[in-house]
Amino acid sequence: MDDTSKKSYLAKLSDQLNDLDKKLNELKAKAASSAGTVKADYEKVVDELLGKRKEAEEHVQKLKTASEEGWKGLKRGSKKAIDSMTKSIDNARKKFKK
């Protein structure tokens, strides 16, 4: 892959993170407007998601600074971090739809 592919991949990851941030912000808003046990549940999930968000961002930053040869090896880790966050957000949204 060439540098254009790296830039394209980073743009795709950035778009995915932006989308996940929107969903995370929705959960934060629901947490803020909830009460009691539901609020505590939301806050716990949001805290876990913030940790996953930080991990995903760290992977993206490593990709940005990696050499052409090195970024290919980091690609899998960043995809895994984004996929994990996506799955966690989707699970949280389903859980709180009840």
PDB file of N, CA and C in Angstrom:
ATOM      1  N   MET A   1       0.837  -1.189   0.000  1.00  0.00           N
ATOM      2  CA  MET A   1       0.000   0.000   0.000  1.00  0.00           C
ATOM      3  C   MET A   1       0.877   1.246   0.000  1.00  0.00           C
ATOM      4  N   ASP A   2       0.409   2.269  -0.633  1.00  0.00           N
ATOM      5  CA  ASP A   2       1.191   3.485  -0.664  1.00  0.00           C
ATOM      6  C   ASP A   2       0.677   4.479   0.366  1.00  0.00           C
ATOM      7  N   ASP A   3       1.314   5.648   0.404  1.00  0.00           N
ATOM      8  CA  ASP A   3       0.957   6.664   1.385  1.00  0.00           C
ATOM      9  C   ASP A   3      -0.497   7.104   1.250  1.00  0.00           C
ATOM     10  N   THR A   4      -1.012   7.116   0.022  1.00  0.00           N
ATOM     11  CA  THR A   4      -2.405   7.486  -0.199  1.00  0.00           C
ATOM     12  C   THR A   4      -3.327   6.498   0.518  1.00  0.00           C
ATOM     13  N   SER A   5      -2.973   5.233   0.485  1.00  0.00           N
ATOM     14  CA  SER A   5      -3.772   4.235   1.175  1.00  0.00           C
ATOM     15  C   SER A   5      -3.748   4.459   2.678  1.00  0.00           C
ATOM     16  N   LYS A   6      -2.597   4.837   3.197  1.00  0.00           N
ATOM     17  CA  LYS A   6      -2.478   5.131   4.629  1.00  0.00           C
ATOM     18  C   LYS A   6      -3.369   6.324   4.973  1.00  0.00           C
ATOM     19  N   LYS A   7      -3.297   7.367   4.151  1.00  0.00           N
ATOM     20  CA  LYS A   7      -4.126   8.555   4.398  1.00  0.00           C
ATOM     21  C   LYS A   7      -5.601   8.206   4.310  1.00  0.00           C
ATOM     22  N   SER A   8      -5.938   7.405   3.331  1.00  0.00           N
ATOM     23  CA  SER A   8      -7.329   6.988   3.155  1.00  0.00           C
ATOM     24  C   SER A   8      -7.813   6.180   4.360  1.00  0.00           C
ATOM     25  N   TYR A   9      -6.966   5.275   4.813  1.00  0.00           N
ATOM     26  CA  TYR A   9      -7.324   4.446   5.966  1.00  0.00           C
ATOM     27  C   TYR A   9      -7.483   5.307   7.217  1.00  0.00           C
ATOM     28  N   LEU A  10      -6.584   6.259   7.418  1.00  0.00           N
ATOM     29  CA  LEU A  10      -6.686   7.154   8.577  1.00  0.00           C
ATOM     30  C   LEU A  10      -7.957   8.006   8.491  1.00  0.00           C
ATOM     31  N   ALA A  11      -8.317   8.436   7.309  1.00  0.00           N
ATOM     32  CA  ALA A  11      -9.553   9.212   7.144  1.00  0.00           C
ATOM     33  C   ALA A  11     -10.765   8.356   7.491  1.00  0.00           C
ATOM     34  N   LYS A  12     -10.737   7.099   7.065  1.00  0.00           N
ATOM     35  CA  LYS A  12     -11.838   6.177   7.382  1.00  0.00           C
ATOM     36  C   LYS A  12     -11.948   5.976   8.889  1.00  0.00           C
ATOM     37  N   LEU A  13     -10.805   5.777   9.548  1.00  0.00           N
ATOM     38  CA  LEU A  13     -10.820   5.604  11.009  1.00  0.00           C
ATOM     39  C   LEU A  13     -11.336   6.857  11.704  1.00  0.00           C
ATOM     40  N   SER A  14     -10.929   8.004  11.215  1.00  0.00           N
ATOM     41  CA  SER A  14     -11.382   9.266  11.791  1.00  0.00           C
ATOM     42  C   SER A  14     -12.897   9.411  11.666  1.00  0.00           C
ATOM     43  N   ASP A  15     -13.434   9.052  10.499  1.00  0.00           N
ATOM     44  CA  ASP A  15     -14.891   9.096  10.299  1.00  0.00           C
ATOM     45  C   ASP A  15     -15.601   8.141  11.251  1.00  0.00           C
ATOM     46  N   GLN A  16     -15.039   6.942  11.422  1.00  0.00           N
ATOM     47  CA  GLN A  16     -15.638   5.969  12.340  1.00  0.00           C
ATOM     48  C   GLN A  16     -15.617   6.489  13.773  1.00  0.00           C
ATOM     49  N   LEU A  17     -14.498   7.088  14.182  1.00  0.00           N
ATOM     50  CA  LEU A  17     -14.415   7.638  15.538  1.00  0.00           C
ATOM     51  C   LEU A  17     -15.416   8.768  15.730  1.00  0.00           C
ATOM     52  N   ASN A  18     -15.568   9.616  14.725  1.00  0.00           N
ATOM     53  CA  ASN A  18     -16.542  10.706  14.826  1.00  0.00           C
ATOM     54  C   ASN A  18     -17.959  10.161  14.998  1.00  0.00           C
ATOM     55  N   ASP A  19     -18.295   9.129  14.246  1.00  0.00           N
ATOM     56  CA  ASP A  19     -19.614   8.503  14.364  1.00  0.00           C
ATOM     57  C   ASP A  19     -19.793   7.888  15.752  1.00  0.00           C
ATOM     58  N   LEU A  20     -18.758   7.211  16.226  1.00  0.00           N
ATOM     59  CA  LEU A  20     -18.834   6.600  17.560  1.00  0.00           C
ATOM     60  C   LEU A  20     -18.919   7.665  18.650  1.00  0.00           C
ATOM     61  N   ASP A  21     -18.235   8.786  18.451  1.00  0.00           N
ATOM     62  CA  ASP A  21     -18.321   9.886  19.412  1.00  0.00           C
ATOM     63  C   ASP A  21     -19.743  10.418  19.522  1.00  0.00           C
ATOM     64  N   LYS A  22     -20.433  10.510  18.388  1.00  0.00           N
ATOM     65  CA  LYS A  22     -21.828  10.974  18.403  1.00  0.00           C
ATOM     66  C   LYS A  22     -22.699  10.018  19.225  1.00  0.00           C
ATOM     67  N   LYS A  23     -22.510   8.726  19.001  1.00  0.00           N
ATOM     68  CA  LYS A  23     -23.288   7.727  19.738  1.00  0.00           C
ATOM     69  C   LYS A  23     -22.932   7.747  21.218  1.00  0.00           C
ATOM     70  N   LEU A  24     -21.660   7.931  21.516  1.00  0.00           N
ATOM     71  CA  LEU A  24     -21.222   8.015  22.910  1.00  0.00           C
ATOM     72  C   LEU A  24     -21.822   9.243  23.587  1.00  0.00           C
ATOM     73  N   ASN A  25     -21.864  10.344  22.870  1.00  0.00           N
ATOM     74  CA  ASN A  25     -22.460  11.559  23.428  1.00  0.00           C
ATOM     75  C   ASN A  25     -23.955  11.387  23.703  1.00  0.00           C
ATOM     76  N   GLU A  26     -24.632  10.618  22.848  1.00  0.00           N
ATOM     77  CA  GLU A  26     -26.049  10.318  23.101  1.00  0.00           C
ATOM     78  C   GLU A  26     -26.203   9.543  24.409  1.00  0.00           C
ATOM     79  N   LEU A  27     -25.323   8.562  24.622  1.00  0.00           N
ATOM     80  CA  LEU A  27     -25.373   7.787  25.869  1.00  0.00           C
ATOM     81  C   LEU A  27     -25.055   8.667  27.075  1.00  0.00           C
ATOM     82  N   LYS A  28     -24.103   9.585  26.912  1.00  0.00           N
ATOM     83  CA  LYS A  28     -23.769  10.512  28.008  1.00  0.00           C
ATOM     84  C   LYS A  28     -24.980  11.372  28.363  1.00  0.00           C
ATOM     85  N   ALA A  29     -25.682  11.847  27.347  1.00  0.00           N
ATOM     86  CA  ALA A  29     -26.859  12.684  27.574  1.00  0.00           C
ATOM     87  C   ALA A  29     -27.948  11.898  28.289  1.00  0.00           C
ATOM     88  N   LYS A  30     -28.132  10.643  27.882  1.00  0.00           N
ATOM     89  CA  LYS A  30     -29.130   9.803  28.548  1.00  0.00           C
ATOM     90  C   LYS A  30     -28.726   9.535  29.993  1.00  0.00           C
ATOM     91  N   ALA A  31     -27.436   9.364  30.223  1.00  0.00           N
ATOM     92  CA  ALA A  31     -26.958   9.157  31.593  1.00  0.00           C
ATOM     93  C   ALA A  31     -27.253  10.378  32.445  1.00  0.00           C
ATOM     94  N   ALA A  32     -26.999  11.550  31.885  1.00  0.00           N
ATOM     95  CA  ALA A  32     -27.215  12.790  32.629  1.00  0.00           C
ATOM     96  C   ALA A  32     -28.686  13.018  32.955  1.00  0.00           C
ATOM     97  N   SER A  33     -29.571  12.538  32.085  1.00  0.00           N
ATOM     98  CA  SER A  33     -30.999  12.774  32.310  1.00  0.00           C
ATOM     99  C   SER A  33     -31.688  11.618  33.040  1.00  0.00           C
ATOM    100  N   SER A  34     -30.937  10.597  33.389  1.00  0.00           N
ATOM    101  CA  SER A  34     -31.507   9.449  34.095  1.00  0.00           C
ATOM    102  C   SER A  34     -31.345   9.624  35.598  1.00  0.00           C
ATOM    103  N   ALA A  35     -31.963   8.714  36.326  1.00  0.00           N
ATOM    104  CA  ALA A  35     -31.870   8.782  37.778  1.00  0.00           C
ATOM    105  C   ALA A  35     -31.661   7.381  38.344  1.00  0.00           C
ATOM    106  N   GLY A  36     -31.175   7.345  39.559  1.00  0.00           N
ATOM    107  CA  GLY A  36     -31.066   6.097  40.299  1.00  0.00           C
ATOM    108  C   GLY A  36     -30.159   5.057  39.666  1.00  0.00           C
ATOM    109  N   THR A  37     -30.639   3.830  39.694  1.00  0.00           N
ATOM    110  CA  THR A  37     -29.865   2.694  39.218  1.00  0.00           C
ATOM    111  C   THR A  37     -29.573   2.800  37.723  1.00  0.00           C
ATOM    112  N   VAL A  38     -30.542   3.296  36.967  1.00  0.00           N
ATOM    113  CA  VAL A  38     -30.356   3.441  35.525  1.00  0.00           C
ATOM    114  C   VAL A  38     -29.209   4.410  35.251  1.00  0.00           C
ATOM    115  N   LYS A  39     -29.180   5.501  35.996  1.00  0.00           N
ATOM    116  CA  LYS A  39     -28.107   6.485  35.825  1.00  0.00           C
ATOM    117  C   LYS A  39     -26.758   5.855  36.144  1.00  0.00           C
ATOM    118  N   ALA A  40     -26.692   5.114  37.213  1.00  0.00           N
ATOM    119  CA  ALA A  40     -25.442   4.446  37.584  1.00  0.00           C
ATOM    120  C   ALA A  40     -25.004   3.456  36.507  1.00  0.00           C
ATOM    121  N   ASP A  41     -25.967   2.728  35.948  1.00  0.00           N
ATOM    122  CA  ASP A  41     -25.659   1.783  34.866  1.00  0.00           C
ATOM    123  C   ASP A  41     -25.124   2.522  33.642  1.00  0.00           C
ATOM    124  N   TYR A  42     -25.786   3.603  33.268  1.00  0.00           N
ATOM    125  CA  TYR A  42     -25.329   4.405  32.134  1.00  0.00           C
ATOM    126  C   TYR A  42     -23.916   4.910  32.378  1.00  0.00           C
ATOM    127  N   GLU A  43     -23.674   5.460  33.569  1.00  0.00           N
ATOM    128  CA  GLU A  43     -22.371   6.037  33.879  1.00  0.00           C
ATOM    129  C   GLU A  43     -21.267   4.983  33.827  1.00  0.00           C
ATOM    130  N   LYS A  44     -21.574   3.785  34.296  1.00  0.00           N
ATOM    131  CA  LYS A  44     -20.588   2.701  34.241  1.00  0.00           C
ATOM    132  C   LYS A  44     -20.243   2.362  32.800  1.00  0.00           C
ATOM    133  N   VAL A  45     -21.269   2.233  31.967  1.00  0.00           N
ATOM    134  CA  VAL A  45     -21.061   1.918  30.548  1.00  0.00           C
ATOM    135  C   VAL A  45     -20.301   3.050  29.857  1.00  0.00           C
ATOM    136  N   VAL A  46     -20.661   4.284  30.140  1.00  0.00           N
ATOM    137  CA  VAL A  46     -19.994   5.433  29.527  1.00  0.00           C
ATOM    138  C   VAL A  46     -18.517   5.451  29.924  1.00  0.00           C
ATOM    139  N   ASP A  47     -18.213   5.182  31.184  1.00  0.00           N
ATOM    140  CA  ASP A  47     -16.817   5.143  31.626  1.00  0.00           C
ATOM    141  C   ASP A  47     -16.028   4.066  30.873  1.00  0.00           C
ATOM    142  N   GLU A  48     -16.633   2.900  30.709  1.00  0.00           N
ATOM    143  CA  GLU A  48     -15.977   1.819  29.956  1.00  0.00           C
ATOM    144  C   GLU A  48     -15.752   2.239  28.502  1.00  0.00           C
ATOM    145  N   LEU A  49     -16.746   2.884  27.923  1.00  0.00           N
ATOM    146  CA  LEU A  49     -16.632   3.317  26.535  1.00  0.00           C
ATOM    147  C   LEU A  49     -15.584   4.411  26.368  1.00  0.00           C
ATOM    148  N   LEU A  50     -15.468   5.278  27.343  1.00  0.00           N
ATOM    149  CA  LEU A  50     -14.438   6.323  27.275  1.00  0.00           C
ATOM    150  C   LEU A  50     -13.039   5.701  27.281  1.00  0.00           C
ATOM    151  N   GLY A  51     -12.869   4.629  28.044  1.00  0.00           N
ATOM    152  CA  GLY A  51     -11.600   3.912  28.048  1.00  0.00           C
ATOM    153  C   GLY A  51     -11.310   3.304  26.686  1.00  0.00           C
ATOM    154  N   LYS A  52     -12.333   2.703  26.084  1.00  0.00           N
ATOM    155  CA  LYS A  52     -12.170   2.116  24.749  1.00  0.00           C
ATOM    156  C   LYS A  52     -11.902   3.210  23.717  1.00  0.00           C
ATOM    157  N   ARG A  53     -12.522   4.349  23.891  1.00  0.00           N
ATOM    158  CA  ARG A  53     -12.318   5.481  22.978  1.00  0.00           C
ATOM    159  C   ARG A  53     -10.871   5.951  23.042  1.00  0.00           C
ATOM    160  N   LYS A  54     -10.358   6.044  24.260  1.00  0.00           N
ATOM    161  CA  LYS A  54      -8.966   6.473  24.450  1.00  0.00           C
ATOM    162  C   LYS A  54      -8.013   5.473  23.789  1.00  0.00           C
ATOM    163  N   GLU A  55      -8.289   4.194  23.967  1.00  0.00           N
ATOM    164  CA  GLU A  55      -7.457   3.152  23.362  1.00  0.00           C
ATOM    165  C   GLU A  55      -7.488   3.252  21.836  1.00  0.00           C
ATOM    166  N   ALA A  56      -8.664   3.469  21.273  1.00  0.00           N
ATOM    167  CA  ALA A  56      -8.792   3.589  19.821  1.00  0.00           C
ATOM    168  C   ALA A  56      -8.016   4.808  19.317  1.00  0.00           C
ATOM    169  N   GLU A  57      -8.110   5.902  20.032  1.00  0.00           N
ATOM    170  CA  GLU A  57      -7.399   7.119  19.634  1.00  0.00           C
ATOM    171  C   GLU A  57      -5.884   6.907  19.701  1.00  0.00           C
ATOM    172  N   GLU A  58      -5.421   6.171  20.697  1.00  0.00           N
ATOM    173  CA  GLU A  58      -3.994   5.876  20.801  1.00  0.00           C
ATOM    174  C   GLU A  58      -3.525   5.072  19.596  1.00  0.00           C
ATOM    175  N   HIS A  59      -4.333   4.124  19.148  1.00  0.00           N
ATOM    176  CA  HIS A  59      -3.989   3.337  17.958  1.00  0.00           C
ATOM    177  C   HIS A  59      -3.922   4.226  16.723  1.00  0.00           C
ATOM    178  N   VAL A  60      -4.856   5.133  16.596  1.00  0.00           N
ATOM    179  CA  VAL A  60      -4.869   6.041  15.447  1.00  0.00           C
ATOM    180  C   VAL A  60      -3.615   6.928  15.464  1.00  0.00           C
ATOM    181  N   GLN A  61      -3.241   7.424  16.634  1.00  0.00           N
ATOM    182  CA  GLN A  61      -2.055   8.270  16.743  1.00  0.00           C
ATOM    183  C   GLN A  61      -0.791   7.502  16.366  1.00  0.00           C
ATOM    184  N   LYS A  62      -0.712   6.239  16.776  1.00  0.00           N
ATOM    185  CA  LYS A  62       0.442   5.412  16.406  1.00  0.00           C
ATOM    186  C   LYS A  62       0.495   5.224  14.895  1.00  0.00           C
ATOM    187  N   LEU A  63      -0.670   5.017  14.286  1.00  0.00           N
ATOM    188  CA  LEU A  63      -0.724   4.866  12.826  1.00  0.00           C
ATOM    189  C   LEU A  63      -0.241   6.131  12.120  1.00  0.00           C
ATOM    190  N   LYS A  64      -0.644   7.275  12.646  1.00  0.00           N
ATOM    191  CA  LYS A  64      -0.276   8.547  12.019  1.00  0.00           C
ATOM    192  C   LYS A  64       1.236   8.739  11.981  1.00  0.00           C
ATOM    193  N   THR A  65       1.915   8.286  13.020  1.00  0.00           N
ATOM    194  CA  THR A  65       3.355   8.524  13.113  1.00  0.00           C
ATOM    195  C   THR A  65       4.190   7.347  12.619  1.00  0.00           C
ATOM    196  N   ALA A  66       3.544   6.256  12.258  1.00  0.00           N
ATOM    197  CA  ALA A  66       4.268   5.061  11.825  1.00  0.00           C
ATOM    198  C   ALA A  66       4.842   5.239  10.419  1.00  0.00           C
ATOM    199  N   SER A  67       5.941   4.548  10.177  1.00  0.00           N
ATOM    200  CA  SER A  67       6.533   4.539   8.842  1.00  0.00           C
ATOM    201  C   SER A  67       5.626   3.777   7.889  1.00  0.00           C
ATOM    202  N   GLU A  68       5.938   3.866   6.623  1.00  0.00           N
ATOM    203  CA  GLU A  68       5.143   3.161   5.611  1.00  0.00           C
ATOM    204  C   GLU A  68       5.124   1.663   5.874  1.00  0.00           C
ATOM    205  N   GLU A  69       6.255   1.122   6.255  1.00  0.00           N
ATOM    206  CA  GLU A  69       6.313  -0.306   6.544  1.00  0.00           C
ATOM    207  C   GLU A  69       5.619  -0.636   7.864  1.00  0.00           C
ATOM    208  N   GLY A  70       5.786   0.219   8.840  1.00  0.00           N
ATOM    209  CA  GLY A  70       5.270  -0.041  10.185  1.00  0.00           C
ATOM    210  C   GLY A  70       3.766   0.089  10.338  1.00  0.00           C
ATOM    211  N   TRP A  71       3.160   0.964   9.564  1.00  0.00           N
ATOM    212  CA  TRP A  71       1.727   1.213   9.774  1.00  0.00           C
ATOM    213  C   TRP A  71       0.881   0.008   9.406  1.00  0.00           C
ATOM    214  N   LYS A  72       1.359  -0.782   8.474  1.00  0.00           N
ATOM    215  CA  LYS A  72       0.594  -1.959   8.058  1.00  0.00           C
ATOM    216  C   LYS A  72       0.418  -2.938   9.211  1.00  0.00           C
ATOM    217  N   GLY A  73       1.456  -3.065  10.036  1.00  0.00           N
ATOM    218  CA  GLY A  73       1.369  -3.945  11.202  1.00  0.00           C
ATOM    219  C   GLY A  73       0.445  -3.397  12.277  1.00  0.00           C
ATOM    220  N   LEU A  74       0.338  -2.085  12.366  1.00  0.00           N
ATOM    221  CA  LEU A  74      -0.517  -1.451  13.375  1.00  0.00           C
ATOM    222  C   LEU A  74      -1.986  -1.412  12.954  1.00  0.00           C
ATOM    223  N   LYS A  75      -2.218  -1.604  11.683  1.00  0.00           N
ATOM    224  CA  LYS A  75      -3.571  -1.510  11.129  1.00  0.00           C
ATOM    225  C   LYS A  75      -4.538  -2.456  11.841  1.00  0.00           C
ATOM    226  N   ARG A  76      -4.109  -3.679  12.079  1.00  0.00           N
ATOM    227  CA  ARG A  76      -4.975  -4.680  12.706  1.00  0.00           C
ATOM    228  C   ARG A  76      -5.392  -4.247  14.119  1.00  0.00           C
ATOM    229  N   GLY A  77      -4.452  -3.714  14.889  1.00  0.00           N
ATOM    230  CA  GLY A  77      -4.763  -3.272  16.246  1.00  0.00           C
ATOM    231  C   GLY A  77      -5.764  -2.127  16.269  1.00  0.00           C
ATOM    232  N   SER A  78      -5.625  -1.203  15.336  1.00  0.00           N
ATOM    233  CA  SER A  78      -6.559  -0.076  15.299  1.00  0.00           C
ATOM    234  C   SER A  78      -7.949  -0.545  14.896  1.00  0.00           C
ATOM    235  N   LYS A  79      -8.016  -1.468  13.947  1.00  0.00           N
ATOM    236  CA  LYS A  79      -9.311  -2.005  13.536  1.00  0.00           C
ATOM    237  C   LYS A  79      -9.968  -2.734  14.692  1.00  0.00           C
ATOM    238  N   LYS A  80      -9.186  -3.508  15.426  1.00  0.00           N
ATOM    239  CA  LYS A  80      -9.710  -4.248  16.571  1.00  0.00           C
ATOM    240  C   LYS A  80     -10.243  -3.288  17.637  1.00  0.00           C
ATOM    241  N   ALA A  81      -9.521  -2.205  17.900  1.00  0.00           N
ATOM    242  CA  ALA A  81      -9.953  -1.225  18.902  1.00  0.00           C
ATOM    243  C   ALA A  81     -11.252  -0.540  18.483  1.00  0.00           C
ATOM    244  N   ILE A  82     -11.349  -0.159  17.222  1.00  0.00           N
ATOM    245  CA  ILE A  82     -12.564   0.490  16.715  1.00  0.00           C
ATOM    246  C   ILE A  82     -13.733  -0.494  16.750  1.00  0.00           C
ATOM    247  N   ASP A  83     -13.485  -1.725  16.310  1.00  0.00           N
ATOM    248  CA  ASP A  83     -14.547  -2.742  16.306  1.00  0.00           C
ATOM    249  C   ASP A  83     -15.038  -3.026  17.721  1.00  0.00           C
ATOM    250  N   SER A  84     -14.135  -3.072  18.673  1.00  0.00           N
ATOM    251  CA  SER A  84     -14.507  -3.323  20.067  1.00  0.00           C
ATOM    252  C   SER A  84     -15.385  -2.190  20.601  1.00  0.00           C
ATOM    253  N   MET A  85     -14.996  -0.965  20.285  1.00  0.00           N
ATOM    254  CA  MET A  85     -15.782   0.186  20.732  1.00  0.00           C
ATOM    255  C   MET A  85     -17.157   0.187  20.066  1.00  0.00           C
ATOM    256  N   THR A  86     -17.194  -0.114  18.779  1.00  0.00           N
ATOM    257  CA  THR A  86     -18.463  -0.166  18.044  1.00  0.00           C
ATOM    258  C   THR A  86     -19.395  -1.198  18.666  1.00  0.00           C
ATOM    259  N   LYS A  87     -18.875  -2.374  18.918  1.00  0.00           N
ATOM    260  CA  LYS A  87     -19.683  -3.442  19.503  1.00  0.00           C
ATOM    261  C   LYS A  87     -20.182  -3.044  20.890  1.00  0.00           C
ATOM    262  N   SER A  88     -19.320  -2.443  21.691  1.00  0.00           N
ATOM    263  CA  SER A  88     -19.713  -2.029  23.042  1.00  0.00           C
ATOM    264  C   SER A  88     -20.799  -0.957  23.016  1.00  0.00           C
ATOM    265  N   ILE A  89     -20.669  -0.001  22.113  1.00  0.00           N
ATOM    266  CA  ILE A  89     -21.688   1.047  22.002  1.00  0.00           C
ATOM    267  C   ILE A  89     -23.007   0.447  21.528  1.00  0.00           C
ATOM    268  N   ASP A  90     -22.946  -0.418  20.530  1.00  0.00           N
ATOM    269  CA  ASP A  90     -24.175  -1.059  20.041  1.00  0.00           C
ATOM    270  C   ASP A  90     -24.848  -1.875  21.144  1.00  0.00           C
ATOM    271  N   ASN A  91     -24.057  -2.605  21.920  1.00  0.00           N
ATOM    272  CA  ASN A  91     -24.611  -3.385  23.033  1.00  0.00           C
ATOM    273  C   ASN A  91     -25.245  -2.482  24.083  1.00  0.00           C
ATOM    274  N   ALA A  92     -24.586  -1.376  24.377  1.00  0.00           N
ATOM    275  CA  ALA A  92     -25.125  -0.441  25.360  1.00  0.00           C
ATOM    276  C   ALA A  92     -26.432   0.176  24.884  1.00  0.00           C
ATOM    277  N   ARG A  93     -26.484   0.545  23.622  1.00  0.00           N
ATOM    278  CA  ARG A  93     -27.701   1.128  23.083  1.00  0.00           C
ATOM    279  C   ARG A  93     -28.865   0.129  23.124  1.00  0.00           C
ATOM    280  N   LYS A  94     -28.566  -1.124  22.833  1.00  0.00           N
ATOM    281  CA  LYS A  94     -29.596  -2.164  22.899  1.00  0.00           C
ATOM    282  C   LYS A  94     -30.049  -2.375  24.345  1.00  0.00           C
ATOM    283  N   LYS A  95     -29.094  -2.420  25.252  1.00  0.00           N
ATOM    284  CA  LYS A  95     -29.399  -2.661  26.667  1.00  0.00           C
ATOM    285  C   LYS A  95     -30.328  -1.573  27.219  1.00  0.00           C
ATOM    286  N   PHE A  96     -30.064  -0.335  26.864  1.00  0.00           N
ATOM    287  CA  PHE A  96     -30.840   0.762  27.431  1.00  0.00           C
ATOM    288  C   PHE A  96     -32.103   1.090  26.639  1.00  0.00           C
ATOM    289  N   LYS A  97     -32.330   0.397  25.540  1.00  0.00           N
ATOM    290  CA  LYS A  97     -33.588   0.573  24.795  1.00  0.00           C
ATOM    291  C   LYS A  97     -34.744  -0.094  25.493  1.00  0.00           C
ATOM    292  N   LYS A  98     -34.432  -1.045  26.356  1.00  0.00           N
ATOM    293  CA  LYS A  98     -35.489  -1.817  27.027  1.00  0.00           C
ATOM    294  C   LYS A  98     -36.480  -0.936  27.729  1.00  0.00           C
TER     295      LYS A  98
END
